[in-house]
Amino acid sequence: MIPYTKKILPNGLTVVVNRDRASKLAAVNILYKVGARNEDPRRTGFAHLFEHLMFRGTREIPNFDLPVQMASGDNNAFTNNDYTDFYITLPKDNLETALWLESDRMEGLDITPAKLEAEKKVVIEEFRQRYLNQPYGDQTMLLRALAYKVHPYRWAAIGLTTDHIAEATLEDVEAFYRTHYRPSNAVLSISADIEEERMLELAEKWFAPLADRPADAAPIPQEPTQTEARREEVERDVPAPTVAYHMGGRTDAGFYTADLVSDLLAGGDSGRLYTHLVKERRLLSSVNAYVTGDVDPGLFVFTGQLLPGVTPEEAEAAFREEIETLQTASAAAREIEKVKNKFEANTLFGELNVMNKAMNLGFYEMLGDLALINREVGLYRAVGDDDIRSFSSRTFRPENSSTLIYNTKK
């Protein structure tokens, strides 16, 4: 159980604080409700580009990292399709340093042509190294484009193409900053051994003076129901099958069933897929099943890497056999209980970490259901065998599938 207090400042910034009496550190997390889903299809990769630009200094603080280091702190950030997250951990007595830094770059980011060009080069090189020059590197990108035809989840956070970043102008990125990096589009969450009222006072001291910049967000197109199976085959250096099925979003009532099913299938070396397809049948060298966990309706994905002599069709058939078992046979009570216990243990262990608390408070507030942070274990535990069969029958249908096959180059 994570206790918290929430307050919305007059400028629209949501502040959530938690007193962690066991930690000598303070964790400051600021989440901006902007990810790849908020981008123009003609200008993708901007949310990720801004993750980089936000460390390039402001008009008041040219070197963002230096004050963090002087305060004995550590900081980083990440971007995904739904949001961008920045976080700082430092001794609790230095909490105001983090609040000063974050409030300053929310309003005063100094974007110069030279800084923009430097970060564009960094992001383009990251795109090439991580997605174009790695085995399986473009797998996720191709799968998204196959599974989504309308929703902006059809591209990854890195973007559709390096051209979109290369062609970005100073005017483009300044407009993106004004639209998305503002108090009413952010959640500030803090966890520290400091009285909650005091943390709220400090947050108000540093952030209340910032003016909001209201902006009309473009509506996000919703993906229509898929009505026929999709399939794409490409030639790559390594063979691999990947099959994705559309499922509900992060707050959908069936999300915890989907998550439990993925744990049944791929919850470590005792998961069904590893046991049956790697150890027993020796079809795959590695295998996985996971849910994307997106805010809007996401994907349930099966993927694996083939052993020599095994065809993609054999792996697909093996995936179908596992799916049929989920749809028709009861899961053993002991098997279900094991994955539930693991989920609960991981959740409780995560709550011991001050940064996990701050991050999770921001995340659940972004979802629109902050209290969910303390209900998830119960919702996961409530999933039963009937729910597993119902979800599997409803979701794992051929017409709801998108299959991407990597064939070895001839």
Protein backbone atom coordinates (compact mmCIF):
# COMPACT_ATOMS: atom_id res chain seq x y z
CA MET A 1 0.00 0.00 0.00
CA ILE A 2 1.41 3.38 -1.05
CA PRO A 3 -0.13 6.33 0.81
CA TYR A 4 -0.21 9.60 -1.10
CA THR A 5 -1.61 13.10 -1.22
CA LYS A 6 -2.61 14.81 -4.45
CA LYS A 7 -3.00 18.48 -5.28
CA ILE A 8 -3.65 20.34 -8.52
CA LEU A 9 -1.98 23.75 -8.71
CA PRO A 10 -3.85 26.75 -10.22
CA ASN A 11 -1.76 26.46 -13.40
CA GLY A 12 -3.00 22.87 -13.90
CA LEU A 13 0.07 20.95 -12.71
CA THR A 14 -0.89 17.79 -10.83
CA VAL A 15 1.33 17.07 -7.82
CA VAL A 16 1.33 13.72 -6.00
CA VAL A 17 3.51 13.13 -2.95
CA ASN A 18 4.34 10.12 -0.77
CA ARG A 19 6.23 10.05 2.51
CA ASP A 20 8.72 7.17 2.53
CA ARG A 21 10.03 6.95 6.07
CA ALA A 22 12.53 4.21 5.20
CA SER A 23 14.56 6.14 2.62
CA LYS A 24 17.21 8.80 2.98
CA LEU A 25 16.79 9.67 -0.68
CA ALA A 26 14.23 11.79 -2.46
CA ALA A 27 12.84 10.77 -5.83
CA VAL A 28 11.40 13.44 -8.10
CA ASN A 29 9.54 12.29 -11.19
CA ILE A 30 7.91 14.48 -13.79
CA LEU A 31 5.77 12.87 -16.43
CA TYR A 32 4.67 14.75 -19.54
CA LYS A 33 1.60 13.40 -21.28
CA VAL A 34 3.27 13.32 -24.65
CA GLY A 35 4.57 10.32 -26.54
CA ALA A 36 4.64 9.04 -30.07
CA ARG A 37 0.82 8.85 -30.07
CA ASN A 38 0.71 12.67 -29.97
CA GLU A 39 2.91 13.22 -33.02
CA ASP A 40 2.05 14.32 -36.52
CA PRO A 41 2.48 11.35 -38.91
CA ARG A 42 4.63 13.65 -41.04
CA ARG A 43 6.84 14.56 -38.07
CA THR A 44 7.44 11.45 -35.99
CA GLY A 45 10.14 10.89 -33.39
CA PHE A 46 9.69 14.36 -31.86
CA ALA A 47 8.79 13.13 -28.36
CA HIS A 48 12.01 11.12 -28.25
CA LEU A 49 13.99 14.01 -29.71
CA PHE A 50 12.68 16.22 -26.91
CA GLU A 51 13.78 13.73 -24.29
CA HIS A 52 17.29 14.51 -25.52
CA LEU A 53 16.79 18.27 -25.91
CA MET A 54 15.54 18.61 -22.33
CA PHE A 55 19.06 17.84 -21.10
CA ARG A 56 20.63 20.52 -23.30
CA GLY A 57 20.23 23.32 -20.78
CA THR A 58 18.03 26.35 -20.28
CA ARG A 59 18.52 30.07 -20.38
CA GLU A 60 19.27 30.01 -16.62
CA ILE A 61 21.07 26.66 -16.33
CA PRO A 62 23.30 25.89 -19.34
CA ASN A 63 24.44 22.50 -17.97
CA PHE A 64 21.54 20.50 -16.49
CA ASP A 65 23.65 17.60 -15.22
CA LEU A 66 26.15 19.67 -13.25
CA PRO A 67 23.78 20.85 -10.46
CA VAL A 68 22.42 17.30 -10.16
CA GLN A 69 25.93 15.93 -9.68
CA MET A 70 26.82 18.68 -7.21
CA ALA A 71 23.75 17.70 -5.19
CA SER A 72 24.96 14.05 -5.17
CA GLY A 73 22.11 13.08 -7.43
CA ASP A 74 21.43 10.97 -10.49
CA ASN A 75 18.98 11.61 -13.31
CA ASN A 76 17.67 10.12 -16.53
CA ALA A 77 14.59 9.91 -18.75
CA PHE A 78 12.69 7.69 -21.17
CA THR A 79 10.07 8.06 -23.88
CA ASN A 80 7.42 5.63 -25.07
CA ASN A 81 4.33 5.82 -27.22
CA ASP A 82 2.18 7.28 -24.43
CA TYR A 83 4.33 9.61 -22.34
CA THR A 84 7.79 11.04 -21.59
CA ASP A 85 9.27 10.64 -18.11
CA PHE A 86 12.12 12.49 -16.39
CA TYR A 87 13.44 11.50 -12.97
CA ILE A 88 16.02 12.56 -10.41
CA THR A 89 17.18 10.75 -7.26
CA LEU A 90 19.19 12.67 -4.68
CA PRO A 91 19.58 13.05 -0.89
CA LYS A 92 16.32 14.26 0.61
CA ASP A 93 17.95 17.43 1.97
CA ASN A 94 18.65 18.43 -1.64
CA LEU A 95 15.05 18.00 -2.84
CA GLU A 96 14.75 21.64 -3.83
CA THR A 97 17.62 21.30 -6.29
CA ALA A 98 15.58 18.83 -8.30
CA LEU A 99 12.43 20.97 -8.13
CA TRP A 100 14.39 24.04 -9.21
CA LEU A 101 15.88 22.22 -12.19
CA GLU A 102 12.62 20.66 -13.36
CA SER A 103 10.60 23.85 -13.01
CA ASP A 104 13.23 25.78 -14.93
CA ARG A 105 13.30 23.45 -17.92
CA MET A 106 9.52 23.18 -18.06
CA GLU A 107 9.44 26.83 -19.09
CA GLY A 108 12.92 27.98 -20.03
CA LEU A 109 14.41 25.39 -22.37
CA ASP A 110 17.03 27.04 -24.55
CA ILE A 111 16.71 25.47 -28.01
CA THR A 112 19.35 26.86 -30.32
CA PRO A 113 20.12 25.78 -33.90
CA ALA A 114 23.42 24.29 -32.76
CA LYS A 115 21.83 22.26 -29.94
CA LEU A 116 19.08 21.03 -32.23
CA GLU A 117 21.53 19.90 -34.89
CA ALA A 118 23.67 18.10 -32.33
CA GLU A 119 20.75 16.16 -30.87
CA LYS A 120 19.32 15.36 -34.29
CA LYS A 121 22.60 13.62 -35.11
CA VAL A 122 22.51 11.68 -31.82
CA VAL A 123 18.92 10.51 -32.36
CA ILE A 124 19.52 9.55 -36.00
CA GLU A 125 22.56 7.51 -34.99
CA GLU A 126 20.54 5.81 -32.24
CA PHE A 127 17.86 4.99 -34.81
CA ARG A 128 20.44 3.37 -37.08
CA GLN A 129 22.29 1.47 -34.35
CA ARG A 130 19.28 0.14 -32.45
CA TYR A 131 16.76 -0.42 -35.21
CA LEU A 132 18.51 -0.71 -38.56
CA ASN A 133 21.86 -2.33 -37.77
CA GLN A 134 20.82 -4.96 -35.22
CA PRO A 135 19.45 -8.49 -35.69
CA TYR A 136 15.68 -8.28 -35.12
CA GLY A 137 16.14 -4.51 -34.91
CA ASP A 138 13.23 -3.52 -37.13
CA GLN A 139 10.92 -6.30 -35.94
CA THR A 140 8.86 -4.08 -33.66
CA MET A 141 8.64 -1.33 -36.26
CA LEU A 142 7.40 -3.70 -38.95
CA LEU A 143 4.96 -5.37 -36.57
CA ARG A 144 3.44 -2.05 -35.51
CA ALA A 145 2.97 -1.00 -39.12
CA LEU A 146 1.27 -4.32 -39.85
CA ALA A 147 -1.02 -4.37 -36.83
CA TYR A 148 -2.08 -0.69 -36.88
CA LYS A 149 -3.38 1.15 -39.90
CA VAL A 150 -4.88 4.30 -38.34
CA HIS A 151 -3.73 4.75 -34.74
CA PRO A 152 -0.32 6.42 -34.14
CA TYR A 153 0.85 3.25 -32.41
CA ARG A 154 1.71 2.25 -35.96
CA TRP A 155 5.14 3.79 -35.42
CA ALA A 156 7.61 3.31 -32.57
CA ALA A 157 8.76 6.09 -30.25
CA ILE A 158 11.95 6.43 -32.31
CA GLY A 159 9.79 7.48 -35.28
CA LEU A 160 8.93 6.23 -38.74
CA THR A 161 12.06 7.39 -40.53
CA THR A 162 15.25 9.30 -39.83
CA ASP A 163 14.11 11.85 -42.42
CA HIS A 164 11.50 13.20 -40.01
CA ILE A 165 14.20 14.10 -37.52
CA ALA A 166 16.73 15.25 -40.10
CA GLU A 167 14.19 17.66 -41.61
CA ALA A 168 12.92 19.04 -38.27
CA THR A 169 13.21 22.82 -38.09
CA LEU A 170 13.70 25.05 -35.08
CA GLU A 171 10.15 26.30 -35.56
CA ASP A 172 8.85 22.70 -35.56
CA VAL A 173 10.46 21.80 -32.26
CA GLU A 174 9.61 25.09 -30.56
CA ALA A 175 5.95 24.55 -31.46
CA PHE A 176 6.13 21.00 -30.07
CA TYR A 177 7.64 22.33 -26.83
CA ARG A 178 4.98 25.01 -26.39
CA THR A 179 2.19 22.52 -27.05
CA HIS A 180 3.23 19.66 -24.78
CA TYR A 181 5.72 20.85 -22.15
CA ARG A 182 3.44 22.85 -19.85
CA PRO A 183 2.07 22.53 -16.31
CA SER A 184 -1.41 21.26 -17.20
CA ASN A 185 0.07 18.49 -19.35
CA ALA A 186 2.39 17.18 -16.61
CA VAL A 187 2.35 15.18 -13.39
CA LEU A 188 4.95 15.88 -10.71
CA SER A 189 5.37 13.04 -8.20
CA ILE A 190 7.70 12.98 -5.21
CA SER A 191 8.63 10.29 -2.71
CA ALA A 192 10.85 11.14 0.28
CA ASP A 193 11.00 11.03 4.06
CA ILE A 194 9.58 14.52 4.27
CA GLU A 195 6.14 15.56 5.52
CA GLU A 196 3.68 15.50 2.64
CA GLU A 197 2.49 19.04 3.33
CA ARG A 198 6.07 20.27 3.15
CA MET A 199 6.64 18.53 -0.21
CA LEU A 200 3.45 20.12 -1.54
CA GLU A 201 4.63 23.54 -0.31
CA LEU A 202 7.96 23.14 -2.08
CA ALA A 203 6.29 21.98 -5.28
CA GLU A 204 4.03 25.01 -5.17
CA LYS A 205 6.97 27.31 -4.48
CA TRP A 206 8.84 26.20 -7.59
CA PHE A 207 6.03 25.40 -10.03
CA ALA A 208 3.07 27.64 -9.17
CA PRO A 209 4.72 30.74 -10.71
CA LEU A 210 4.88 29.03 -14.11
CA ALA A 211 2.22 30.12 -16.56
CA ASP A 212 0.32 27.43 -18.38
CA ARG A 213 0.26 27.47 -22.16
CA PRO A 214 -3.14 26.05 -23.12
CA ALA A 215 -3.05 24.13 -26.36
CA ASP A 216 -5.65 22.28 -28.34
CA ALA A 217 -4.53 18.67 -28.69
CA ALA A 218 -5.29 16.99 -31.98
CA PRO A 219 -7.69 14.06 -31.55
CA ILE A 220 -6.04 10.65 -31.67
CA PRO A 221 -7.64 8.44 -34.34
CA GLN A 222 -8.85 5.12 -32.95
CA GLU A 223 -7.95 1.86 -34.64
CA PRO A 224 -10.94 0.10 -36.27
CA THR A 225 -11.62 -3.53 -35.43
CA GLN A 226 -9.46 -5.87 -37.47
CA THR A 227 -11.59 -8.27 -39.51
CA GLU A 228 -9.09 -10.43 -41.38
CA ALA A 229 -5.69 -11.96 -40.73
CA ARG A 230 -2.64 -9.98 -41.83
CA ARG A 231 0.70 -11.43 -42.83
CA GLU A 232 4.04 -10.03 -43.99
CA GLU A 233 7.25 -11.88 -44.83
CA VAL A 234 10.62 -10.18 -45.15
CA GLU A 235 14.17 -11.38 -45.72
CA ARG A 236 16.63 -10.80 -42.90
CA ASP A 237 19.86 -12.32 -41.59
CA VAL A 238 18.04 -14.33 -38.91
CA PRO A 239 14.74 -16.28 -39.11
CA ALA A 240 11.98 -15.48 -36.62
CA PRO A 241 8.17 -15.61 -36.36
CA THR A 242 6.13 -12.96 -34.52
CA VAL A 243 2.36 -12.99 -34.10
CA ALA A 244 0.38 -10.13 -32.54
CA TYR A 245 -3.26 -9.93 -31.50
CA HIS A 246 -5.20 -6.77 -30.67
CA MET A 247 -6.34 -6.48 -27.05
CA GLY A 248 -7.71 -3.80 -24.72
CA GLY A 249 -5.86 -0.82 -23.30
CA ARG A 250 -4.11 -0.42 -19.96
CA THR A 251 -7.29 0.39 -18.01
CA ASP A 252 -9.45 -2.20 -19.80
CA ALA A 253 -11.19 -4.65 -17.48
CA GLY A 254 -9.46 -7.57 -19.17
CA PHE A 255 -5.93 -6.20 -18.92
CA TYR A 256 -5.01 -8.23 -15.83
CA THR A 257 -6.22 -11.42 -17.45
CA ALA A 258 -4.05 -10.66 -20.47
CA ASP A 259 -1.07 -9.94 -18.22
CA LEU A 260 -1.60 -13.17 -16.28
CA VAL A 261 -1.86 -15.16 -19.52
CA SER A 262 1.45 -13.70 -20.70
CA ASP A 263 2.99 -14.75 -17.39
CA LEU A 264 1.60 -18.28 -17.72
CA LEU A 265 3.16 -18.52 -21.15
CA ALA A 266 6.46 -16.76 -20.61
CA GLY A 267 7.02 -16.30 -16.90
CA GLY A 268 10.62 -17.47 -16.90
CA ASP A 269 12.08 -20.92 -17.50
CA SER A 270 8.98 -22.61 -16.06
CA GLY A 271 6.62 -20.80 -18.44
CA ARG A 272 4.67 -22.94 -20.88
CA LEU A 273 6.34 -21.66 -24.03
CA TYR A 274 9.89 -22.19 -22.76
CA THR A 275 9.03 -25.59 -21.30
CA HIS A 276 7.22 -26.90 -24.37
CA LEU A 277 8.91 -25.18 -27.32
CA VAL A 278 12.48 -24.72 -26.09
CA LYS A 279 13.21 -27.54 -23.66
CA GLU A 280 10.91 -30.32 -24.84
CA ARG A 281 10.33 -29.86 -28.57
CA ARG A 282 13.53 -27.92 -29.34
CA LEU A 283 11.91 -25.67 -31.90
CA LEU A 284 13.16 -22.34 -30.60
CA SER A 285 16.31 -21.02 -28.97
CA SER A 286 14.30 -18.37 -27.13
CA VAL A 287 10.63 -17.49 -26.86
CA ASN A 288 8.46 -14.80 -25.35
CA ALA A 289 4.87 -13.67 -24.96
CA TYR A 290 4.06 -10.20 -23.67
CA VAL A 291 1.46 -7.45 -23.60
CA THR A 292 2.48 -3.99 -24.79
CA GLY A 293 0.59 -2.32 -21.95
CA ASP A 294 -0.34 0.74 -24.00
CA VAL A 295 -2.85 3.32 -22.77
CA ASP A 296 -5.03 2.81 -25.84
CA PRO A 297 -5.86 -0.72 -27.07
CA GLY A 298 -2.57 -2.56 -27.44
CA LEU A 299 -1.15 -5.89 -28.54
CA PHE A 300 -0.54 -9.36 -27.16
CA VAL A 301 2.62 -10.62 -28.86
CA PHE A 302 4.14 -14.09 -29.38
CA THR A 303 7.71 -14.17 -30.64
CA GLY A 304 10.67 -16.52 -30.80
CA GLN A 305 14.00 -17.24 -32.43
CA LEU A 306 14.22 -20.43 -34.50
CA LEU A 307 16.73 -23.20 -34.06
CA PRO A 308 18.51 -24.43 -37.23
CA GLY A 309 16.29 -26.59 -39.39
CA VAL A 310 13.02 -25.30 -37.94
CA THR A 311 10.69 -23.41 -40.27
CA PRO A 312 8.57 -20.40 -39.30
CA GLU A 313 5.48 -22.45 -40.15
CA GLU A 314 6.44 -25.04 -37.52
CA ALA A 315 6.81 -22.32 -34.90
CA GLU A 316 3.48 -20.78 -35.88
CA ALA A 317 1.79 -24.15 -35.55
CA ALA A 318 3.35 -24.60 -32.11
CA PHE A 319 2.05 -21.18 -31.02
CA ARG A 320 -1.43 -22.18 -32.21
CA GLU A 321 -1.29 -25.39 -30.17
CA GLU A 322 -0.47 -23.42 -27.04
CA ILE A 323 -3.31 -21.02 -27.80
CA GLU A 324 -5.79 -23.87 -28.27
CA THR A 325 -4.78 -25.25 -24.88
CA LEU A 326 -5.49 -21.87 -23.30
CA GLN A 327 -8.89 -21.74 -25.01
CA THR A 328 -10.06 -25.24 -24.19
CA ALA A 329 -8.25 -26.67 -21.15
CA SER A 330 -8.36 -25.57 -17.54
CA ALA A 331 -5.14 -24.21 -16.07
CA ALA A 332 -4.04 -25.95 -12.90
CA ALA A 333 -4.82 -23.99 -9.76
CA ARG A 334 -1.21 -24.36 -8.63
CA GLU A 335 0.09 -22.93 -11.92
CA ILE A 336 -2.18 -19.91 -11.67
CA GLU A 337 -1.33 -19.35 -8.02
CA LYS A 338 2.39 -19.43 -8.80
CA VAL A 339 2.20 -16.59 -11.31
CA LYS A 340 -0.08 -14.59 -9.00
CA ASN A 341 2.38 -14.97 -6.15
CA LYS A 342 5.22 -13.83 -8.40
CA PHE A 343 3.25 -10.76 -9.52
CA GLU A 344 2.42 -9.82 -5.95
CA ALA A 345 6.00 -10.33 -4.78
CA ASN A 346 7.38 -8.19 -7.62
CA THR A 347 4.85 -5.46 -6.86
CA LEU A 348 5.61 -5.41 -3.15
CA PHE A 349 9.36 -5.53 -3.75
CA GLY A 350 9.07 -2.62 -6.18
CA GLU A 351 7.31 -0.55 -3.54
CA LEU A 352 10.47 -0.64 -1.43
CA ASN A 353 12.26 1.55 -3.96
CA VAL A 354 11.71 5.27 -3.57
CA MET A 355 12.02 5.96 -7.30
CA ASN A 356 9.59 3.19 -8.20
CA LYS A 357 7.05 4.84 -5.92
CA ALA A 358 7.48 8.24 -7.51
CA MET A 359 7.34 6.82 -11.04
CA ASN A 360 4.28 4.70 -10.33
CA LEU A 361 2.40 7.58 -8.74
CA GLY A 362 2.98 9.61 -11.88
CA PHE A 363 2.03 6.73 -14.16
CA TYR A 364 -1.29 5.90 -12.49
CA GLU A 365 -2.25 9.55 -12.29
CA MET A 366 -1.54 9.77 -16.03
CA LEU A 367 -3.87 6.80 -16.56
CA GLY A 368 -6.61 8.76 -14.82
CA ASP A 369 -7.00 6.36 -11.89
CA LEU A 370 -4.40 7.12 -9.22
CA ALA A 371 -6.07 4.77 -6.70
CA LEU A 372 -5.36 1.88 -9.07
CA ILE A 373 -1.80 1.85 -7.74
CA ASN A 374 -3.11 0.13 -4.60
CA ARG A 375 -5.75 -2.07 -6.28
CA GLU A 376 -3.71 -3.87 -8.91
CA VAL A 377 -2.64 -6.86 -6.84
CA GLY A 378 -6.28 -7.52 -5.94
CA LEU A 379 -7.40 -7.24 -9.56
CA TYR A 380 -4.65 -9.60 -10.69
CA ARG A 381 -5.51 -12.07 -7.93
CA ALA A 382 -9.18 -12.01 -8.93
CA VAL A 383 -8.44 -13.51 -12.36
CA GLY A 384 -9.77 -17.06 -12.62
CA ASP A 385 -9.58 -20.00 -14.98
CA ASP A 386 -12.81 -19.00 -16.73
CA ASP A 387 -11.37 -15.53 -17.39
CA ILE A 388 -8.29 -17.09 -19.00
CA ARG A 389 -10.31 -19.24 -21.40
CA SER A 390 -12.70 -16.39 -22.20
CA PHE A 391 -9.91 -13.91 -22.91
CA SER A 392 -8.01 -16.43 -25.03
CA SER A 393 -11.07 -17.32 -27.11
CA ARG A 394 -12.01 -13.67 -27.57
CA THR A 395 -8.51 -12.42 -28.41
CA PHE A 396 -6.54 -15.18 -30.13
CA ARG A 397 -8.66 -15.36 -33.28
CA PRO A 398 -7.12 -15.69 -36.76
CA GLU A 399 -8.91 -12.60 -38.05
CA ASN A 400 -7.46 -10.60 -35.13
CA SER A 401 -3.89 -11.61 -35.89
CA SER A 402 -0.92 -9.92 -37.55
CA THR A 403 1.94 -12.27 -38.41
CA LEU A 404 5.43 -11.05 -39.27
CA ILE A 405 7.91 -13.61 -40.59
CA TYR A 406 11.64 -13.06 -40.85
CA ASN A 407 12.92 -15.45 -43.51
CA THR A 408 16.64 -16.06 -43.87
CA LYS A 409 18.15 -14.30 -46.87
CA LYS A 410 18.68 -16.66 -49.79
